[in-house]
Amino acid sequence: NEAYDAIIRMRKGGGSNGTGGTGGYGRTGGSRYGDIRSMISTGRIQDA
């Protein structure tokens, strides 16, 4: 979890190396949990 949070901070603060344009994992729409919201909306309850 700490590694994941560290990557989020780095990508949010200094430009992401990724192609998703989210500014870091789970930051869709300014939410830390954007990816989890997507899982819930598509019925992937266990993953969420």
ModelCIF file with pLDDT and N, C-alpha, C, O atoms, coordinates in Angstrom:
data_MODEL
#
_entry.id   MODEL 
#
_entity.id                         1 
_entity.type                       polymer 
_entity.pdbx_number_of_molecules   1 
#
_entity_poly.entity_id                      1 
_entity_poly.type                           'polypeptide(L)' 
_entity_poly.nstd_linkage                   no 
_entity_poly.nstd_monomer                   no 
_entity_poly.pdbx_seq_one_letter_code       NEAYDAIIRMRKGGGSNGTGGTGGYGRTGGSRYGDIRSMISTGRIQDA 
_entity_poly.pdbx_seq_one_letter_code_can   NEAYDAIIRMRKGGGSNGTGGTGGYGRTGGSRYGDIRSMISTGRIQDA 
_entity_poly.pdbx_strand_id                 A 
#
loop_
_entity_poly_seq.entity_id 
_entity_poly_seq.num 
_entity_poly_seq.mon_id 
_entity_poly_seq.hetero 
1 1  ASN n 
1 2  GLU n 
1 3  ALA n 
1 4  TYR n 
1 5  ASP n 
1 6  ALA n 
1 7  ILE n 
1 8  ILE n 
1 9  ARG n 
1 10 MET n 
1 11 ARG n 
1 12 LYS n 
1 13 GLY n 
1 14 GLY n 
1 15 GLY n 
1 16 SER n 
1 17 ASN n 
1 18 GLY n 
1 19 THR n 
1 20 GLY n 
1 21 GLY n 
1 22 THR n 
1 23 GLY n 
1 24 GLY n 
1 25 TYR n 
1 26 GLY n 
1 27 ARG n 
1 28 THR n 
1 29 GLY n 
1 30 GLY n 
1 31 SER n 
1 32 ARG n 
1 33 TYR n 
1 34 GLY n 
1 35 ASP n 
1 36 ILE n 
1 37 ARG n 
1 38 SER n 
1 39 MET n 
1 40 ILE n 
1 41 SER n 
1 42 THR n 
1 43 GLY n 
1 44 ARG n 
1 45 ILE n 
1 46 GLN n 
1 47 ASP n 
1 48 ALA n 
#
_struct_asym.id          A 
_struct_asym.entity_id   1 
#
loop_
_ma_qa_metric.id 
_ma_qa_metric.mode 
_ma_qa_metric.name 
_ma_qa_metric.software_group_id 
_ma_qa_metric.type 
1 global pLDDT . pLDDT 
2 local  pLDDT . pLDDT 
#
_ma_qa_metric_global.metric_id      1 
_ma_qa_metric_global.metric_value   66.00 
_ma_qa_metric_global.model_id       1 
_ma_qa_metric_global.ordinal_id     1 
#
loop_
_ma_qa_metric_local.label_asym_id 
_ma_qa_metric_local.label_comp_id 
_ma_qa_metric_local.label_seq_id 
_ma_qa_metric_local.metric_id 
_ma_qa_metric_local.metric_value 
_ma_qa_metric_local.model_id 
_ma_qa_metric_local.ordinal_id 
A ASN 1  2 81.00 1 1  
A GLU 2  2 82.00 1 2  
A ALA 3  2 84.00 1 3  
A TYR 4  2 82.00 1 4  
A ASP 5  2 79.00 1 5  
A ALA 6  2 82.00 1 6  
A ILE 7  2 85.00 1 7  
A ILE 8  2 78.00 1 8  
A ARG 9  2 78.00 1 9  
A MET 10 2 80.00 1 10 
A ARG 11 2 77.00 1 11 
A LYS 12 2 76.00 1 12 
A GLY 13 2 67.00 1 13 
A GLY 14 2 51.00 1 14 
A GLY 15 2 43.00 1 15 
A SER 16 2 41.00 1 16 
A ASN 17 2 42.00 1 17 
A GLY 18 2 42.00 1 18 
A THR 19 2 35.00 1 19 
A GLY 20 2 38.00 1 20 
A GLY 21 2 36.00 1 21 
A THR 22 2 35.00 1 22 
A GLY 23 2 34.00 1 23 
A GLY 24 2 34.00 1 24 
A TYR 25 2 34.00 1 25 
A GLY 26 2 37.00 1 26 
A ARG 27 2 35.00 1 27 
A THR 28 2 35.00 1 28 
A GLY 29 2 38.00 1 29 
A GLY 30 2 45.00 1 30 
A SER 31 2 56.00 1 31 
A ARG 32 2 70.00 1 32 
A TYR 33 2 81.00 1 33 
A GLY 34 2 80.00 1 34 
A ASP 35 2 79.00 1 35 
A ILE 36 2 87.00 1 36 
A ARG 37 2 86.00 1 37 
A SER 38 2 82.00 1 38 
A MET 39 2 84.00 1 39 
A ILE 40 2 88.00 1 40 
A SER 41 2 84.00 1 41 
A THR 42 2 84.00 1 42 
A GLY 43 2 88.00 1 43 
A ARG 44 2 87.00 1 44 
A ILE 45 2 89.00 1 45 
A GLN 46 2 87.00 1 46 
A ASP 47 2 84.00 1 47 
A ALA 48 2 86.00 1 48 
#
loop_
_atom_site.group_PDB 
_atom_site.id 
_atom_site.type_symbol 
_atom_site.label_atom_id 
_atom_site.label_alt_id 
_atom_site.label_comp_id 
_atom_site.label_asym_id 
_atom_site.label_entity_id 
_atom_site.label_seq_id 
_atom_site.pdbx_PDB_ins_code 
_atom_site.Cartn_x 
_atom_site.Cartn_y 
_atom_site.Cartn_z 
_atom_site.occupancy 
_atom_site.B_iso_or_equiv 
_atom_site.pdbx_formal_charge 
_atom_site.auth_seq_id 
_atom_site.auth_comp_id 
_atom_site.auth_asym_id 
_atom_site.auth_atom_id 
_atom_site.pdbx_PDB_model_num 
ATOM 1   N N  . ASN A 1 1  ? 0.823   -1.209 0.000   1.00 81.00 ? 1  ASN A N  1 
ATOM 2   C CA . ASN A 1 1  ? 0.000   0.000  0.000   1.00 81.00 ? 1  ASN A CA 1 
ATOM 3   C C  . ASN A 1 1  ? 0.856   1.257  0.000   1.00 81.00 ? 1  ASN A C  1 
ATOM 4   O O  . ASN A 1 1  ? 0.537   2.231  -0.682  1.00 81.00 ? 1  ASN A O  1 
ATOM 5   N N  . GLU A 1 2  ? 1.943   1.234  0.766   1.00 82.00 ? 2  GLU A N  1 
ATOM 6   C CA . GLU A 1 2  ? 2.812   2.407  0.831   1.00 82.00 ? 2  GLU A CA 1 
ATOM 7   C C  . GLU A 1 2  ? 3.520   2.619  -0.502  1.00 82.00 ? 2  GLU A C  1 
ATOM 8   O O  . GLU A 1 2  ? 3.730   3.755  -0.925  1.00 82.00 ? 2  GLU A O  1 
ATOM 9   N N  . ALA A 1 3  ? 3.886   1.523  -1.161  1.00 84.00 ? 3  ALA A N  1 
ATOM 10  C CA . ALA A 1 3  ? 4.517   1.634  -2.471  1.00 84.00 ? 3  ALA A CA 1 
ATOM 11  C C  . ALA A 1 3  ? 3.538   2.239  -3.476  1.00 84.00 ? 3  ALA A C  1 
ATOM 12  O O  . ALA A 1 3  ? 3.887   3.121  -4.260  1.00 84.00 ? 3  ALA A O  1 
ATOM 13  N N  . TYR A 1 4  ? 2.324   1.747  -3.429  1.00 82.00 ? 4  TYR A N  1 
ATOM 14  C CA . TYR A 1 4  ? 1.268   2.249  -4.324  1.00 82.00 ? 4  TYR A CA 1 
ATOM 15  C C  . TYR A 1 4  ? 1.017   3.737  -4.099  1.00 82.00 ? 4  TYR A C  1 
ATOM 16  O O  . TYR A 1 4  ? 0.895   4.507  -5.052  1.00 82.00 ? 4  TYR A O  1 
ATOM 17  N N  . ASP A 1 5  ? 0.942   4.139  -2.812  1.00 79.00 ? 5  ASP A N  1 
ATOM 18  C CA . ASP A 1 5  ? 0.724   5.547  -2.494  1.00 79.00 ? 5  ASP A CA 1 
ATOM 19  C C  . ASP A 1 5  ? 1.903   6.406  -2.946  1.00 79.00 ? 5  ASP A C  1 
ATOM 20  O O  . ASP A 1 5  ? 1.719   7.534  -3.404  1.00 79.00 ? 5  ASP A O  1 
ATOM 21  N N  . ALA A 1 6  ? 3.118   5.865  -2.813  1.00 82.00 ? 6  ALA A N  1 
ATOM 22  C CA . ALA A 1 6  ? 4.307   6.615  -3.227  1.00 82.00 ? 6  ALA A CA 1 
ATOM 23  C C  . ALA A 1 6  ? 4.300   6.858  -4.737  1.00 82.00 ? 6  ALA A C  1 
ATOM 24  O O  . ALA A 1 6  ? 4.650   7.943  -5.201  1.00 82.00 ? 6  ALA A O  1 
ATOM 25  N N  . ILE A 1 7  ? 3.904   5.849  -5.486  1.00 85.00 ? 7  ILE A N  1 
ATOM 26  C CA . ILE A 1 7  ? 3.842   6.000  -6.945  1.00 85.00 ? 7  ILE A CA 1 
ATOM 27  C C  . ILE A 1 7  ? 2.778   7.025  -7.326  1.00 85.00 ? 7  ILE A C  1 
ATOM 28  O O  . ILE A 1 7  ? 2.973   7.824  -8.242  1.00 85.00 ? 7  ILE A O  1 
ATOM 29  N N  . ILE A 1 8  ? 1.659   6.995  -6.618  1.00 78.00 ? 8  ILE A N  1 
ATOM 30  C CA . ILE A 1 8  ? 0.596   7.986  -6.871  1.00 78.00 ? 8  ILE A CA 1 
ATOM 31  C C  . ILE A 1 8  ? 1.143   9.390  -6.670  1.00 78.00 ? 8  ILE A C  1 
ATOM 32  O O  . ILE A 1 8  ? 0.936   10.274 -7.502  1.00 78.00 ? 8  ILE A O  1 
ATOM 33  N N  . ARG A 1 9  ? 1.850   9.588  -5.550  1.00 78.00 ? 9  ARG A N  1 
ATOM 34  C CA . ARG A 1 9  ? 2.367   10.922 -5.243  1.00 78.00 ? 9  ARG A CA 1 
ATOM 35  C C  . ARG A 1 9  ? 3.359   11.374 -6.304  1.00 78.00 ? 9  ARG A C  1 
ATOM 36  O O  . ARG A 1 9  ? 3.320   12.520 -6.752  1.00 78.00 ? 9  ARG A O  1 
ATOM 37  N N  . MET A 1 10 ? 4.247   10.472 -6.704  1.00 80.00 ? 10 MET A N  1 
ATOM 38  C CA . MET A 1 10 ? 5.247   10.827 -7.701  1.00 80.00 ? 10 MET A CA 1 
ATOM 39  C C  . MET A 1 10 ? 4.612   11.187 -9.034  1.00 80.00 ? 10 MET A C  1 
ATOM 40  O O  . MET A 1 10 ? 4.996   12.169 -9.670  1.00 80.00 ? 10 MET A O  1 
ATOM 41  N N  . ARG A 1 11 ? 3.639   10.387 -9.452  1.00 77.00 ? 11 ARG A N  1 
ATOM 42  C CA . ARG A 1 11 ? 3.015   10.618 -10.755 1.00 77.00 ? 11 ARG A CA 1 
ATOM 43  C C  . ARG A 1 11 ? 2.085   11.832 -10.726 1.00 77.00 ? 11 ARG A C  1 
ATOM 44  O O  . ARG A 1 11 ? 1.906   12.515 -11.735 1.00 77.00 ? 11 ARG A O  1 
ATOM 45  N N  . LYS A 1 12 ? 1.511   12.083 -9.587  1.00 76.00 ? 12 LYS A N  1 
ATOM 46  C CA . LYS A 1 12 ? 0.623   13.250 -9.482  1.00 76.00 ? 12 LYS A CA 1 
ATOM 47  C C  . LYS A 1 12 ? 1.429   14.545 -9.453  1.00 76.00 ? 12 LYS A C  1 
ATOM 48  O O  . LYS A 1 12 ? 1.014   15.566 -10.002 1.00 76.00 ? 12 LYS A O  1 
ATOM 49  N N  . GLY A 1 13 ? 2.574   14.480 -8.811  1.00 67.00 ? 13 GLY A N  1 
ATOM 50  C CA . GLY A 1 13 ? 3.361   15.700 -8.647  1.00 67.00 ? 13 GLY A CA 1 
ATOM 51  C C  . GLY A 1 13 ? 4.331   15.998 -9.764  1.00 67.00 ? 13 GLY A C  1 
ATOM 52  O O  . GLY A 1 13 ? 4.690   17.152 -9.998  1.00 67.00 ? 13 GLY A O  1 
ATOM 53  N N  . GLY A 1 14 ? 4.760   14.944 -10.463 1.00 51.00 ? 14 GLY A N  1 
ATOM 54  C CA . GLY A 1 14 ? 5.806   15.189 -11.433 1.00 51.00 ? 14 GLY A CA 1 
ATOM 55  C C  . GLY A 1 14 ? 5.576   14.599 -12.793 1.00 51.00 ? 14 GLY A C  1 
ATOM 56  O O  . GLY A 1 14 ? 6.540   14.221 -13.458 1.00 51.00 ? 14 GLY A O  1 
ATOM 57  N N  . GLY A 1 15 ? 4.358   14.502 -13.234 1.00 43.00 ? 15 GLY A N  1 
ATOM 58  C CA . GLY A 1 15 ? 4.121   14.001 -14.589 1.00 43.00 ? 15 GLY A CA 1 
ATOM 59  C C  . GLY A 1 15 ? 4.172   12.500 -14.626 1.00 43.00 ? 15 GLY A C  1 
ATOM 60  O O  . GLY A 1 15 ? 5.135   11.900 -14.148 1.00 43.00 ? 15 GLY A O  1 
ATOM 61  N N  . SER A 1 16 ? 3.170   11.890 -15.175 1.00 41.00 ? 16 SER A N  1 
ATOM 62  C CA . SER A 1 16 ? 3.055   10.438 -15.196 1.00 41.00 ? 16 SER A CA 1 
ATOM 63  C C  . SER A 1 16 ? 3.802   9.838  -16.363 1.00 41.00 ? 16 SER A C  1 
ATOM 64  O O  . SER A 1 16 ? 3.839   10.403 -17.457 1.00 41.00 ? 16 SER A O  1 
ATOM 65  N N  . ASN A 1 17 ? 4.402   8.678  -16.115 1.00 42.00 ? 17 ASN A N  1 
ATOM 66  C CA . ASN A 1 17 ? 5.024   7.917  -17.194 1.00 42.00 ? 17 ASN A CA 1 
ATOM 67  C C  . ASN A 1 17 ? 3.998   7.085  -17.926 1.00 42.00 ? 17 ASN A C  1 
ATOM 68  O O  . ASN A 1 17 ? 4.282   6.513  -18.978 1.00 42.00 ? 17 ASN A O  1 
ATOM 69  N N  . GLY A 1 18 ? 2.773   7.017  -17.352 1.00 42.00 ? 18 GLY A N  1 
ATOM 70  C CA . GLY A 1 18 ? 1.745   6.157  -17.923 1.00 42.00 ? 18 GLY A CA 1 
ATOM 71  C C  . GLY A 1 18 ? 1.020   6.847  -19.059 1.00 42.00 ? 18 GLY A C  1 
ATOM 72  O O  . GLY A 1 18 ? 1.266   8.011  -19.378 1.00 42.00 ? 18 GLY A O  1 
ATOM 73  N N  . THR A 1 19 ? 0.134   6.102  -19.645 1.00 35.00 ? 19 THR A N  1 
ATOM 74  C CA . THR A 1 19 ? -0.587  6.614  -20.806 1.00 35.00 ? 19 THR A CA 1 
ATOM 75  C C  . THR A 1 19 ? -2.040  6.919  -20.495 1.00 35.00 ? 19 THR A C  1 
ATOM 76  O O  . THR A 1 19 ? -2.781  7.390  -21.358 1.00 35.00 ? 19 THR A O  1 
ATOM 77  N N  . GLY A 1 20 ? -2.453  6.645  -19.244 1.00 38.00 ? 20 GLY A N  1 
ATOM 78  C CA . GLY A 1 20 ? -3.867  6.796  -18.927 1.00 38.00 ? 20 GLY A CA 1 
ATOM 79  C C  . GLY A 1 20 ? -4.295  8.221  -18.680 1.00 38.00 ? 20 GLY A C  1 
ATOM 80  O O  . GLY A 1 20 ? -5.477  8.546  -18.789 1.00 38.00 ? 20 GLY A O  1 
ATOM 81  N N  . GLY A 1 21 ? -3.321  9.099  -18.340 1.00 36.00 ? 21 GLY A N  1 
ATOM 82  C CA . GLY A 1 21 ? -3.652  10.490 -18.094 1.00 36.00 ? 21 GLY A CA 1 
ATOM 83  C C  . GLY A 1 21 ? -4.455  10.709 -16.838 1.00 36.00 ? 21 GLY A C  1 
ATOM 84  O O  . GLY A 1 21 ? -5.132  11.729 -16.715 1.00 36.00 ? 21 GLY A O  1 
ATOM 85  N N  . THR A 1 22 ? -4.402  9.772  -15.891 1.00 35.00 ? 22 THR A N  1 
ATOM 86  C CA . THR A 1 22 ? -5.186  9.922  -14.672 1.00 35.00 ? 22 THR A CA 1 
ATOM 87  C C  . THR A 1 22 ? -4.409  10.635 -13.589 1.00 35.00 ? 22 THR A C  1 
ATOM 88  O O  . THR A 1 22 ? -4.977  10.987 -12.556 1.00 35.00 ? 22 THR A O  1 
ATOM 89  N N  . GLY A 1 23 ? -3.089  10.862 -13.805 1.00 34.00 ? 23 GLY A N  1 
ATOM 90  C CA . GLY A 1 23 ? -2.280  11.477 -12.758 1.00 34.00 ? 23 GLY A CA 1 
ATOM 91  C C  . GLY A 1 23 ? -1.962  10.501 -11.669 1.00 34.00 ? 23 GLY A C  1 
ATOM 92  O O  . GLY A 1 23 ? -1.646  10.920 -10.555 1.00 34.00 ? 23 GLY A O  1 
ATOM 93  N N  . GLY A 1 24 ? -2.028  9.227  -11.928 1.00 34.00 ? 24 GLY A N  1 
ATOM 94  C CA . GLY A 1 24 ? -1.701  8.234  -10.922 1.00 34.00 ? 24 GLY A CA 1 
ATOM 95  C C  . GLY A 1 24 ? -2.815  7.239  -10.744 1.00 34.00 ? 24 GLY A C  1 
ATOM 96  O O  . GLY A 1 24 ? -3.945  7.478  -11.169 1.00 34.00 ? 24 GLY A O  1 
ATOM 97  N N  . TYR A 1 25 ? -2.505  6.125  -10.118 1.00 34.00 ? 25 TYR A N  1 
ATOM 98  C CA . TYR A 1 25 ? -3.477  5.047  -9.964  1.00 34.00 ? 25 TYR A CA 1 
ATOM 99  C C  . TYR A 1 25 ? -4.675  5.495  -9.155  1.00 34.00 ? 25 TYR A C  1 
ATOM 100 O O  . TYR A 1 25 ? -4.541  6.049  -8.064  1.00 34.00 ? 25 TYR A O  1 
ATOM 101 N N  . GLY A 1 26 ? -5.859  5.242  -9.715  1.00 37.00 ? 26 GLY A N  1 
ATOM 102 C CA . GLY A 1 26 ? -7.078  5.499  -8.971  1.00 37.00 ? 26 GLY A CA 1 
ATOM 103 C C  . GLY A 1 26 ? -7.440  6.963  -8.832  1.00 37.00 ? 26 GLY A C  1 
ATOM 104 O O  . GLY A 1 26 ? -8.304  7.300  -8.023  1.00 37.00 ? 26 GLY A O  1 
ATOM 105 N N  . ARG A 1 27 ? -6.799  7.857  -9.604  1.00 35.00 ? 27 ARG A N  1 
ATOM 106 C CA . ARG A 1 27 ? -7.082  9.282  -9.440  1.00 35.00 ? 27 ARG A CA 1 
ATOM 107 C C  . ARG A 1 27 ? -8.077  9.810  -10.449 1.00 35.00 ? 27 ARG A C  1 
ATOM 108 O O  . ARG A 1 27 ? -8.196  11.023 -10.624 1.00 35.00 ? 27 ARG A O  1 
ATOM 109 N N  . THR A 1 28 ? -8.786  8.933  -11.108 1.00 35.00 ? 28 THR A N  1 
ATOM 110 C CA . THR A 1 28 ? -9.748  9.360  -12.108 1.00 35.00 ? 28 THR A CA 1 
ATOM 111 C C  . THR A 1 28 ? -10.744 10.339 -11.494 1.00 35.00 ? 28 THR A C  1 
ATOM 112 O O  . THR A 1 28 ? -11.310 10.091 -10.430 1.00 35.00 ? 28 THR A O  1 
ATOM 113 N N  . GLY A 1 29 ? -10.947 11.465 -12.196 1.00 38.00 ? 29 GLY A N  1 
ATOM 114 C CA . GLY A 1 29 ? -11.946 12.431 -11.739 1.00 38.00 ? 29 GLY A CA 1 
ATOM 115 C C  . GLY A 1 29 ? -11.650 13.035 -10.395 1.00 38.00 ? 29 GLY A C  1 
ATOM 116 O O  . GLY A 1 29 ? -12.568 13.489 -9.712  1.00 38.00 ? 29 GLY A O  1 
ATOM 117 N N  . GLY A 1 30 ? -10.353 13.059 -9.976  1.00 45.00 ? 30 GLY A N  1 
ATOM 118 C CA . GLY A 1 30 ? -9.971  13.645 -8.718  1.00 45.00 ? 30 GLY A CA 1 
ATOM 119 C C  . GLY A 1 30 ? -10.216 12.732 -7.540  1.00 45.00 ? 30 GLY A C  1 
ATOM 120 O O  . GLY A 1 30 ? -10.025 13.153 -6.399  1.00 45.00 ? 30 GLY A O  1 
ATOM 121 N N  . SER A 1 31 ? -10.626 11.513 -7.763  1.00 56.00 ? 31 SER A N  1 
ATOM 122 C CA . SER A 1 31 ? -10.896 10.572 -6.686  1.00 56.00 ? 31 SER A CA 1 
ATOM 123 C C  . SER A 1 31 ? -9.745  9.600  -6.530  1.00 56.00 ? 31 SER A C  1 
ATOM 124 O O  . SER A 1 31 ? -9.206  9.087  -7.510  1.00 56.00 ? 31 SER A O  1 
ATOM 125 N N  . ARG A 1 32 ? -9.378  9.358  -5.292  1.00 70.00 ? 32 ARG A N  1 
ATOM 126 C CA . ARG A 1 32 ? -8.335  8.372  -5.018  1.00 70.00 ? 32 ARG A CA 1 
ATOM 127 C C  . ARG A 1 32 ? -8.790  6.983  -5.427  1.00 70.00 ? 32 ARG A C  1 
ATOM 128 O O  . ARG A 1 32 ? -7.975  6.112  -5.733  1.00 70.00 ? 32 ARG A O  1 
ATOM 129 N N  . TYR A 1 33 ? -10.086 6.790  -5.429  1.00 81.00 ? 33 TYR A N  1 
ATOM 130 C CA . TYR A 1 33 ? -10.647 5.469  -5.653  1.00 81.00 ? 33 TYR A CA 1 
ATOM 131 C C  . TYR A 1 33 ? -11.338 5.333  -7.004  1.00 81.00 ? 33 TYR A C  1 
ATOM 132 O O  . TYR A 1 33 ? -12.291 4.564  -7.134  1.00 81.00 ? 33 TYR A O  1 
ATOM 133 N N  . GLY A 1 34 ? -10.877 6.059  -7.998  1.00 80.00 ? 34 GLY A N  1 
ATOM 134 C CA . GLY A 1 34 ? -11.530 6.027  -9.304  1.00 80.00 ? 34 GLY A CA 1 
ATOM 135 C C  . GLY A 1 34 ? -11.609 4.637  -9.892  1.00 80.00 ? 34 GLY A C  1 
ATOM 136 O O  . GLY A 1 34 ? -12.627 4.266  -10.477 1.00 80.00 ? 34 GLY A O  1 
ATOM 137 N N  . ASP A 1 35 ? -10.539 3.855  -9.745  1.00 79.00 ? 35 ASP A N  1 
ATOM 138 C CA . ASP A 1 35 ? -10.524 2.511  -10.305 1.00 79.00 ? 35 ASP A CA 1 
ATOM 139 C C  . ASP A 1 35 ? -11.498 1.595  -9.567  1.00 79.00 ? 35 ASP A C  1 
ATOM 140 O O  . ASP A 1 35 ? -12.146 0.740  -10.172 1.00 79.00 ? 35 ASP A O  1 
ATOM 141 N N  . ILE A 1 36 ? -11.591 1.786  -8.252  1.00 87.00 ? 36 ILE A N  1 
ATOM 142 C CA . ILE A 1 36 ? -12.515 0.981  -7.458  1.00 87.00 ? 36 ILE A CA 1 
ATOM 143 C C  . ILE A 1 36 ? -13.961 1.325  -7.812  1.00 87.00 ? 36 ILE A C  1 
ATOM 144 O O  . ILE A 1 36 ? -14.814 0.441  -7.880  1.00 87.00 ? 36 ILE A O  1 
ATOM 145 N N  . ARG A 1 37 ? -14.231 2.599  -8.034  1.00 86.00 ? 37 ARG A N  1 
ATOM 146 C CA . ARG A 1 37 ? -15.571 3.000  -8.461  1.00 86.00 ? 37 ARG A CA 1 
ATOM 147 C C  . ARG A 1 37 ? -15.930 2.326  -9.780  1.00 86.00 ? 37 ARG A C  1 
ATOM 148 O O  . ARG A 1 37 ? -17.063 1.888  -9.980  1.00 86.00 ? 37 ARG A O  1 
ATOM 149 N N  . SER A 1 38 ? -14.955 2.251  -10.670 1.00 82.00 ? 38 SER A N  1 
ATOM 150 C CA . SER A 1 38 ? -15.196 1.612  -11.965 1.00 82.00 ? 38 SER A CA 1 
ATOM 151 C C  . SER A 1 38 ? -15.519 0.134  -11.786 1.00 82.00 ? 38 SER A C  1 
ATOM 152 O O  . SER A 1 38 ? -16.404 -0.397 -12.457 1.00 82.00 ? 38 SER A O  1 
ATOM 153 N N  . MET A 1 39 ? -14.799 -0.532 -10.879 1.00 84.00 ? 39 MET A N  1 
ATOM 154 C CA . MET A 1 39 ? -15.061 -1.949 -10.612 1.00 84.00 ? 39 MET A CA 1 
ATOM 155 C C  . MET A 1 39 ? -16.474 -2.158 -10.091 1.00 84.00 ? 39 MET A C  1 
ATOM 156 O O  . MET A 1 39 ? -17.171 -3.076 -10.522 1.00 84.00 ? 39 MET A O  1 
ATOM 157 N N  . ILE A 1 40 ? -16.893 -1.308 -9.166  1.00 88.00 ? 40 ILE A N  1 
ATOM 158 C CA . ILE A 1 40 ? -18.237 -1.443 -8.595  1.00 88.00 ? 40 ILE A CA 1 
ATOM 159 C C  . ILE A 1 40 ? -19.296 -1.240 -9.665  1.00 88.00 ? 40 ILE A C  1 
ATOM 160 O O  . ILE A 1 40 ? -20.275 -1.982 -9.730  1.00 88.00 ? 40 ILE A O  1 
ATOM 161 N N  . SER A 1 41 ? -19.094 -0.232 -10.504 1.00 84.00 ? 41 SER A N  1 
ATOM 162 C CA . SER A 1 41 ? -20.104 0.072  -11.520 1.00 84.00 ? 41 SER A CA 1 
ATOM 163 C C  . SER A 1 41 ? -20.211 -1.026 -12.573 1.00 84.00 ? 41 SER A C  1 
ATOM 164 O O  . SER A 1 41 ? -21.249 -1.172 -13.218 1.00 84.00 ? 41 SER A O  1 
ATOM 165 N N  . THR A 1 42 ? -19.126 -1.808 -12.749 1.00 84.00 ? 42 THR A N  1 
ATOM 166 C CA . THR A 1 42 ? -19.155 -2.893 -13.743 1.00 84.00 ? 42 THR A CA 1 
ATOM 167 C C  . THR A 1 42 ? -19.389 -4.257 -13.103 1.00 84.00 ? 42 THR A C  1 
ATOM 168 O O  . THR A 1 42 ? -19.271 -5.288 -13.765 1.00 84.00 ? 42 THR A O  1 
ATOM 169 N N  . GLY A 1 43 ? -19.725 -4.258 -11.802 1.00 88.00 ? 43 GLY A N  1 
ATOM 170 C CA . GLY A 1 43 ? -20.074 -5.507 -11.136 1.00 88.00 ? 43 GLY A CA 1 
ATOM 171 C C  . GLY A 1 43 ? -18.908 -6.323 -10.627 1.00 88.00 ? 43 GLY A C  1 
ATOM 172 O O  . GLY A 1 43 ? -19.092 -7.469 -10.218 1.00 88.00 ? 43 GLY A O  1 
ATOM 173 N N  . ARG A 1 44 ? -17.703 -5.759 -10.642 1.00 87.00 ? 44 ARG A N  1 
ATOM 174 C CA . ARG A 1 44 ? -16.534 -6.499 -10.140 1.00 87.00 ? 44 ARG A CA 1 
ATOM 175 C C  . ARG A 1 44 ? -16.403 -6.244 -8.639  1.00 87.00 ? 44 ARG A C  1 
ATOM 176 O O  . ARG A 1 44 ? -15.442 -5.632 -8.172  1.00 87.00 ? 44 ARG A O  1 
ATOM 177 N N  . ILE A 1 45 ? -17.387 -6.725 -7.910  1.00 89.00 ? 45 ILE A N  1 
ATOM 178 C CA . ILE A 1 45 ? -17.506 -6.415 -6.481  1.00 89.00 ? 45 ILE A CA 1 
ATOM 179 C C  . ILE A 1 45 ? -16.365 -7.020 -5.665  1.00 89.00 ? 45 ILE A C  1 
ATOM 180 O O  . ILE A 1 45 ? -15.827 -6.369 -4.770  1.00 89.00 ? 45 ILE A O  1 
ATOM 181 N N  . GLN A 1 46 ? -16.000 -8.252 -5.970  1.00 87.00 ? 46 GLN A N  1 
ATOM 182 C CA . GLN A 1 46 ? -14.943 -8.909 -5.197  1.00 87.00 ? 46 GLN A CA 1 
ATOM 183 C C  . GLN A 1 46 ? -13.611 -8.194 -5.365  1.00 87.00 ? 46 GLN A C  1 
ATOM 184 O O  . GLN A 1 46 ? -12.882 -7.998 -4.392  1.00 87.00 ? 46 GLN A O  1 
ATOM 185 N N  . ASP A 1 47 ? -13.287 -7.801 -6.603  1.00 84.00 ? 47 ASP A N  1 
ATOM 186 C CA . ASP A 1 47 ? -12.046 -7.068 -6.846  1.00 84.00 ? 47 ASP A CA 1 
ATOM 187 C C  . ASP A 1 47 ? -12.049 -5.743 -6.095  1.00 84.00 ? 47 ASP A C  1 
ATOM 188 O O  . ASP A 1 47 ? -11.047 -5.358 -5.493  1.00 84.00 ? 47 ASP A O  1 
ATOM 189 N N  . ALA A 1 48 ? -13.182 -5.050 -6.135  1.00 86.00 ? 48 ALA A N  1 
ATOM 190 C CA . ALA A 1 48 ? -13.289 -3.764 -5.453  1.00 86.00 ? 48 ALA A CA 1 
ATOM 191 C C  . ALA A 1 48 ? -13.098 -3.939 -3.944  1.00 86.00 ? 48 ALA A C  1 
ATOM 192 O O  . ALA A 1 48 ? -13.154 -2.962 -3.197  1.00 86.00 ? 48 ALA A O  1 
#
